Protein backbone atom coordinates (compact mmCIF):
# COMPACT_ATOMS: atom_id res chain seq x y z
CA MET A 1 0.03 -0.08 0.16
CA GLY A 2 1.40 3.50 -1.20
CA GLN A 3 1.50 6.54 0.52
CA GLY A 4 -1.30 8.09 -1.36
CA ASP A 5 -3.40 4.97 -0.03
CA VAL A 6 -2.73 5.10 3.35
CA GLU A 7 -3.78 8.88 3.30
CA HIS A 8 -6.74 8.12 1.49
CA ASP A 9 -8.07 6.05 4.64
CA LEU A 10 -6.89 8.85 7.26
CA ALA A 11 -8.89 12.41 8.14
CA PRO A 12 -6.95 15.51 8.46
CA ILE A 13 -6.83 17.56 11.73
CA GLY A 14 -9.81 19.88 10.41
CA ALA A 15 -12.10 17.22 9.62
CA VAL A 16 -11.30 15.31 13.21
CA VAL A 17 -12.40 18.40 14.92
CA ASN A 18 -15.60 19.05 12.93
CA ALA A 19 -16.25 15.37 13.48
CA LEU A 20 -15.98 15.99 17.34
CA ARG A 21 -17.01 19.39 18.33
CA HIS A 22 -20.59 18.55 18.71
CA ASP A 23 -19.89 16.04 21.44
CA TYR A 24 -16.66 17.68 22.54
CA PRO A 25 -17.05 21.76 22.08
CA ASP A 26 -13.58 21.62 23.53
CA VAL A 27 -11.97 19.85 20.77
CA SER A 28 -9.73 22.36 18.85
CA HIS A 29 -6.74 21.87 16.87
CA SER A 30 -4.71 22.88 19.95
CA SER A 31 -6.17 20.50 22.13
CA LEU A 32 -4.96 17.70 19.26
CA ARG A 33 -1.77 18.82 19.32
CA PHE A 34 -1.89 19.15 23.29
CA LEU A 35 -2.96 15.07 23.30
CA GLU A 36 0.02 14.73 20.69
CA ARG A 37 2.60 16.28 23.21
CA GLU A 38 1.72 14.14 26.05
CA GLY A 39 1.82 10.96 24.38
CA LEU A 40 -1.87 10.28 24.21
CA ILE A 41 -2.83 10.28 20.82
CA VAL A 42 0.24 9.57 17.51
CA PRO A 43 -1.09 10.66 14.37
CA THR A 44 0.20 9.96 11.09
CA ARG A 45 2.44 12.47 9.46
CA THR A 46 2.65 13.12 5.45
CA THR A 47 5.44 13.56 4.21
CA GLY A 48 4.84 17.54 4.04
CA GLY A 49 4.17 17.12 7.96
CA HIS A 50 0.51 17.43 8.12
CA ARG A 51 -0.92 15.47 10.95
CA LEU A 52 -3.74 12.60 9.59
CA TYR A 53 -5.61 10.50 11.85
CA ALA A 54 -7.22 6.83 11.59
CA THR A 55 -10.37 5.58 12.75
CA ALA A 56 -8.46 4.26 16.07
CA ASP A 57 -7.05 7.80 16.93
CA ILE A 58 -10.41 9.82 16.65
CA GLN A 59 -11.78 6.88 19.21
CA ARG A 60 -8.82 7.20 21.24
CA VAL A 61 -9.48 10.63 21.26
CA ARG A 62 -13.50 10.60 22.16
CA GLN A 63 -12.37 8.57 25.22
CA ILE A 64 -9.84 10.79 26.36
CA LYS A 65 -12.39 13.51 26.23
CA ASP A 66 -14.89 11.05 28.00
CA TRP A 67 -12.71 10.63 30.72
CA GLN A 68 -11.56 14.24 30.94
CA ALA A 69 -15.23 15.44 31.59
CA GLN A 70 -14.89 12.74 34.62
CA ARG A 71 -12.02 15.17 35.69
CA LEU A 72 -9.49 12.47 35.56
CA SER A 73 -5.82 13.70 35.39
CA ILE A 74 -3.77 13.31 32.43
CA GLU A 75 -1.57 10.66 34.44
CA GLU A 76 -4.72 8.47 35.33
CA ILE A 77 -5.55 9.02 31.65
CA ARG A 78 -2.57 7.83 30.63
CA ASN A 79 -2.73 4.87 33.15
CA ARG A 80 -5.99 3.66 31.96
CA LEU A 81 -4.91 3.85 28.20
CA ALA A 82 -2.20 1.34 29.21
CA LYS A 83 -4.77 -0.86 30.61
CA LEU A 84 -7.21 -0.62 27.87
CA ALA A 85 -3.68 -1.44 25.67
CA ALA A 86 -3.59 -4.67 27.50
CA VAL A 87 -7.12 -5.48 26.37
CA SER A 88 -7.12 -8.33 23.40
CA ALA A 89 -7.53 -7.28 20.16
CA PRO A 90 -10.70 -7.12 18.71
CA ASP A 91 -10.63 -10.10 16.47
CA VAL A 92 -9.64 -11.92 19.90
CA LEU A 93 -12.54 -10.90 21.73
CA ALA A 94 -14.95 -11.68 19.32
CA ASP A 95 -13.55 -15.28 19.12
CA GLN A 96 -13.59 -15.44 22.64
CA PHE A 97 -16.87 -14.23 22.93
CA LEU A 98 -18.57 -16.84 20.30
CA GLU A 99 -16.73 -19.49 21.93
CA HIS A 100 -17.66 -19.05 25.49
CA ALA A 101 -21.22 -18.38 24.24
CA LEU A 102 -21.22 -21.59 21.76
CA ALA A 103 -20.19 -23.93 24.96
CA GLY A 104 -23.14 -22.39 26.87
CA ASP A 105 -20.68 -20.18 29.05
CA LEU A 106 -22.88 -16.96 29.22
CA ALA A 107 -21.48 -15.49 32.24
CA SER A 108 -17.88 -15.59 30.51
CA ALA A 109 -19.51 -14.25 26.98
CA ARG A 110 -21.06 -11.32 29.07
CA ARG A 111 -17.89 -10.66 30.92
CA THR A 112 -15.44 -10.63 27.83
CA ILE A 113 -17.75 -8.15 26.40
CA LEU A 114 -18.01 -5.81 29.79
CA THR A 115 -15.02 -5.72 30.87
CA ALA A 116 -13.18 -4.41 27.48
CA SER A 117 -15.86 -1.71 28.02
CA ASP A 118 -14.87 -0.99 31.24
CA LEU A 119 -11.87 -0.67 30.23
CA GLY A 120 -12.17 2.12 27.88
CA LEU A 121 -12.84 -0.08 24.50
CA SER A 122 -15.33 2.43 22.67
CA LEU A 123 -18.35 1.56 21.58
CA ASP A 124 -17.64 1.64 18.07
CA VAL A 125 -14.79 -0.85 17.94
CA ILE A 126 -17.19 -3.32 20.52
CA PHE A 127 -20.10 -3.50 17.78
CA GLY A 128 -18.38 -3.18 15.13
CA SER A 129 -15.24 -4.61 15.41
CA VAL A 130 -15.97 -7.35 18.23
CA LEU A 131 -20.12 -8.27 17.92
CA ARG A 132 -20.75 -7.72 14.35
CA PRO A 133 -17.75 -10.15 13.31
CA ALA A 134 -18.80 -12.82 15.99
CA LEU A 135 -22.21 -12.88 14.88
CA TRP A 136 -20.93 -13.16 11.20
CA GLU A 137 -18.94 -16.36 12.04
CA LEU A 138 -22.12 -17.61 14.05
CA GLY A 139 -24.35 -17.34 11.05
CA LYS A 140 -21.51 -18.58 8.74
CA ARG A 141 -21.58 -21.77 11.51
CA TRP A 142 -25.20 -22.11 11.35
CA THR A 143 -25.19 -22.14 7.32
CA ASN A 144 -22.49 -25.13 7.45
CA GLY A 145 -24.28 -27.47 9.89
CA ALA A 146 -21.36 -26.45 12.70
CA VAL A 147 -24.03 -24.29 15.35
CA SER A 148 -27.61 -25.78 16.01
CA VAL A 149 -30.46 -23.59 15.81
CA ALA A 150 -30.63 -23.64 19.59
CA GLN A 151 -26.89 -22.49 19.59
CA GLU A 152 -27.63 -20.18 17.37
CA LYS A 153 -30.56 -18.48 19.57
CA GLU A 154 -28.43 -18.99 22.81
CA VAL A 155 -25.99 -16.62 21.28
CA SER A 156 -28.05 -14.10 19.57
CA GLU A 157 -30.12 -13.48 22.61
CA VAL A 158 -27.14 -12.83 25.02
CA THR A 159 -25.65 -10.68 21.93
CA ARG A 160 -29.22 -8.79 22.01
CA ASP A 161 -28.83 -8.19 25.84
CA LEU A 162 -25.48 -6.82 25.41
CA ILE A 163 -26.34 -4.41 22.77
CA ALA A 164 -29.22 -3.10 24.92
CA GLU A 165 -26.74 -2.72 28.25
CA LEU A 166 -24.09 -0.92 26.40
CA GLY A 167 -26.31 1.11 24.03
CA LEU A 168 -27.91 2.32 27.41
CA ARG A 169 -24.51 3.03 28.73
CA ALA A 170 -23.58 5.27 26.06
CA ALA A 171 -26.58 7.07 25.13
CA ALA A 172 -26.23 10.53 25.22
CA PRO A 173 -29.37 13.09 25.55
CA SER A 174 -31.08 13.26 22.39
CA GLY A 175 -34.04 15.59 21.29
CA SER A 176 -37.56 15.46 20.93
CA ALA A 177 -39.95 12.65 20.05
CA THR A 178 -39.65 13.83 16.04
CA GLY A 179 -36.45 14.34 14.10
CA GLY A 180 -33.65 11.95 13.96
CA VAL A 181 -34.04 8.56 12.58
CA VAL A 182 -36.81 5.90 11.89
CA ALA A 183 -35.12 2.92 11.86
CA ALA A 184 -36.59 -0.61 10.57
CA CYS A 185 -35.47 -4.21 8.77
CA VAL A 186 -37.31 -4.21 5.67
CA ALA A 187 -40.38 -6.81 5.46
CA GLY A 188 -39.07 -10.22 5.90
CA GLU A 189 -35.71 -9.76 7.64
CA ARG A 190 -35.78 -11.18 10.73
CA HIS A 191 -31.83 -10.37 11.59
CA GLU A 192 -32.05 -6.98 13.46
CA LEU A 193 -28.78 -7.15 15.73
CA GLY A 194 -26.90 -4.89 13.36
CA LEU A 195 -29.43 -2.30 12.90
CA ARG A 196 -29.94 -2.14 17.05
CA MET A 197 -26.16 -1.51 16.83
CA VAL A 198 -26.20 1.35 14.09
CA SER A 199 -28.92 2.71 16.34
CA GLY A 200 -27.06 2.46 19.52
CA LEU A 201 -23.81 4.26 17.81
CA LEU A 202 -26.26 7.06 16.53
CA ARG A 203 -27.77 7.62 20.18
CA ALA A 204 -24.28 7.42 21.40
CA ARG A 205 -23.75 10.67 19.66
CA GLY A 206 -26.59 12.32 20.60
CA VAL A 207 -29.52 11.55 17.59
CA SER A 208 -33.13 10.27 18.35
CA VAL A 209 -33.82 7.02 16.88
CA HIS A 210 -37.07 5.56 16.59
CA PHE A 211 -36.26 1.81 16.46
CA LEU A 212 -39.38 -0.29 14.42
CA GLY A 213 -37.35 -3.77 14.82
CA ALA A 214 -37.37 -6.47 12.40
CA ASP A 215 -39.73 -7.39 9.40
CA VAL A 216 -41.62 -4.33 8.86
CA ASP A 217 -43.90 -3.60 5.91
CA PRO A 218 -44.09 -0.25 4.08
CA VAL A 219 -47.53 0.25 5.18
CA PHE A 220 -46.40 0.64 9.17
CA LEU A 221 -42.87 2.38 8.02
CA VAL A 222 -44.86 5.09 6.44
CA ASP A 223 -46.83 5.36 9.46
CA ALA A 224 -44.05 5.59 11.72
CA VAL A 225 -42.67 8.30 9.49
CA GLU A 226 -45.47 10.21 9.28
CA ARG A 227 -45.84 10.26 12.88
CA ARG A 228 -42.25 10.85 13.79
CA ARG A 229 -41.10 13.08 10.88
CA PRO A 230 -37.65 12.20 11.15
CA ARG A 231 -34.58 13.36 8.96
CA ALA A 232 -33.97 10.21 8.48
CA VAL A 233 -35.10 6.57 7.09
CA LEU A 234 -32.26 3.52 7.87
CA LEU A 235 -33.36 0.61 6.52
CA SER A 236 -31.46 -3.14 6.58
CA ALA A 237 -31.32 -5.68 5.05
CA THR A 238 -29.05 -9.42 5.20
CA SER A 239 -29.66 -11.08 2.78
CA ASP A 240 -29.53 -10.09 -1.22
CA GLU A 241 -33.00 -11.60 -1.60
CA GLN A 242 -34.14 -8.80 0.64
CA LEU A 243 -32.47 -5.87 -1.70
CA PRO A 244 -36.09 -5.88 -3.35
CA ALA A 245 -37.83 -5.10 -0.26
CA ILE A 246 -35.37 -2.17 0.15
CA GLN A 247 -36.61 -0.76 -3.42
CA ALA A 248 -40.17 -1.33 -2.47
CA ALA A 249 -40.04 0.65 1.01
CA ALA A 250 -37.84 3.28 -0.20
CA ASN A 251 -40.38 3.46 -3.32
CA ALA A 252 -43.44 4.18 -0.56
CA LEU A 253 -41.27 6.31 1.15
CA ARG A 254 -40.91 8.59 -1.69
CA LYS A 255 -44.65 9.62 -1.75
CA LEU A 256 -44.36 11.56 1.80
CA GLN A 257 -43.44 15.33 1.76
CA PRO A 258 -40.78 15.71 2.70
CA MET A 259 -39.51 12.74 2.01
CA PRO A 260 -36.49 11.99 4.57
CA GLN A 261 -33.00 10.98 3.53
CA LEU A 262 -32.89 7.49 2.92
CA LEU A 263 -30.40 5.22 4.18
CA ALA A 264 -29.62 1.00 4.17
CA GLY A 265 -27.12 -0.92 5.89
CA GLY A 266 -26.28 -4.76 6.48
CA GLN A 267 -24.67 -7.70 4.68
CA ALA A 268 -26.60 -7.47 1.58
CA ILE A 269 -25.73 -3.45 1.36
CA GLU A 270 -22.49 -3.76 2.02
CA ARG A 271 -21.66 -6.52 -0.31
CA GLN A 272 -23.87 -4.20 -3.39
CA PRO A 273 -23.86 -0.68 -2.42
CA ASP A 274 -24.01 0.19 -5.62
CA ILE A 275 -27.56 -1.08 -6.23
CA VAL A 276 -28.99 0.92 -3.48
CA THR A 277 -27.02 3.90 -4.41
CA GLY A 278 -28.78 3.49 -8.13
CA TRP A 279 -32.28 3.49 -6.04
CA GLY A 280 -31.08 7.02 -4.69
CA ILE A 281 -30.27 5.14 -1.12
CA THR A 282 -27.31 6.11 0.61
CA PRO A 283 -25.26 2.74 2.06
CA LEU A 284 -24.41 3.05 5.42
CA LEU A 285 -21.48 1.46 7.01
CA LEU A 286 -21.59 0.02 10.63
CA ASN A 287 -17.73 0.51 11.20
CA ASP A 288 -17.55 3.63 9.59
CA VAL A 289 -17.03 5.86 12.01
CA HIS A 290 -16.29 9.09 10.06
CA GLN A 291 -20.06 8.26 8.07
CA LEU A 292 -21.65 7.77 11.43
CA ASP A 293 -20.30 11.29 12.69
CA LYS A 294 -20.93 12.90 9.49
CA LEU A 295 -24.75 11.64 9.66
CA ALA A 296 -25.29 12.29 13.63
CA ILE A 297 -24.04 16.17 12.76
CA SER A 298 -26.17 16.75 9.94
CA LEU A 299 -28.93 15.41 11.81
CA LEU A 300 -28.59 17.04 14.75
CA ALA A 301 -27.71 20.47 12.71
CA ALA A 302 -31.24 19.77 11.23
CA ASP A 303 -32.97 19.43 14.53
CA GLY A 304 -31.24 22.16 15.93
């Protein structure tokens, strides 16, 4: 990978400040440079000396700002970051969680995730890089017959409980009962854990989310949008067979005035984003922190 490819995946300091300032008003160019001087963050430097920040750097800044809000000293933050560095890598945590859960040791499965959260692993990482890959692996094993239906249901339930618990921990105060996002799995789609995670990440950013759950017929989706008047509607589909349902839901919503912004997520969209883009729908990726930040900022600005 060349320097140009690396820089394409990184954000300049101005973009980072803009992305974080809504949740952390005191974030500035100088505050990020201060954290760098203290050795708390280490951004990449271009050949011209410009700072570039990876997703992990931005998540680290979020964690530091949260700890500063708790009035922790720089030294205390440094110690906590050292403990966080000792936490297993996300892929290892995903494997540990899944193996404990499949063995029926649900207490250890929960402890694997909650301990990482207590030590400061961000909600973005836990949802996007731990629980989501674990669920994908679970689905593969179920398809191959290596996991029983009972095991799949048990793991899904403990995951659902963790998403709810961690989401409540991280939820920021949101606005009124209207605006924000209506989130729904399209008709026939019963896998809603990924959508729950995205909803939790948006709530953590202060966005009001009206979650409708699995298998939502366009009639009921339209009713919810008319009642809640959201700025955006987030649709979810896991299998490619559900893509026509995405289009059907979007067509039903286009009859409304004003029409909300349309977004879609899920494994089917991640495999074929160009299809929904061609329908005038924006693909939304669970682990794209920059995209979630930008969406939250735009929605909060509109509601404000």
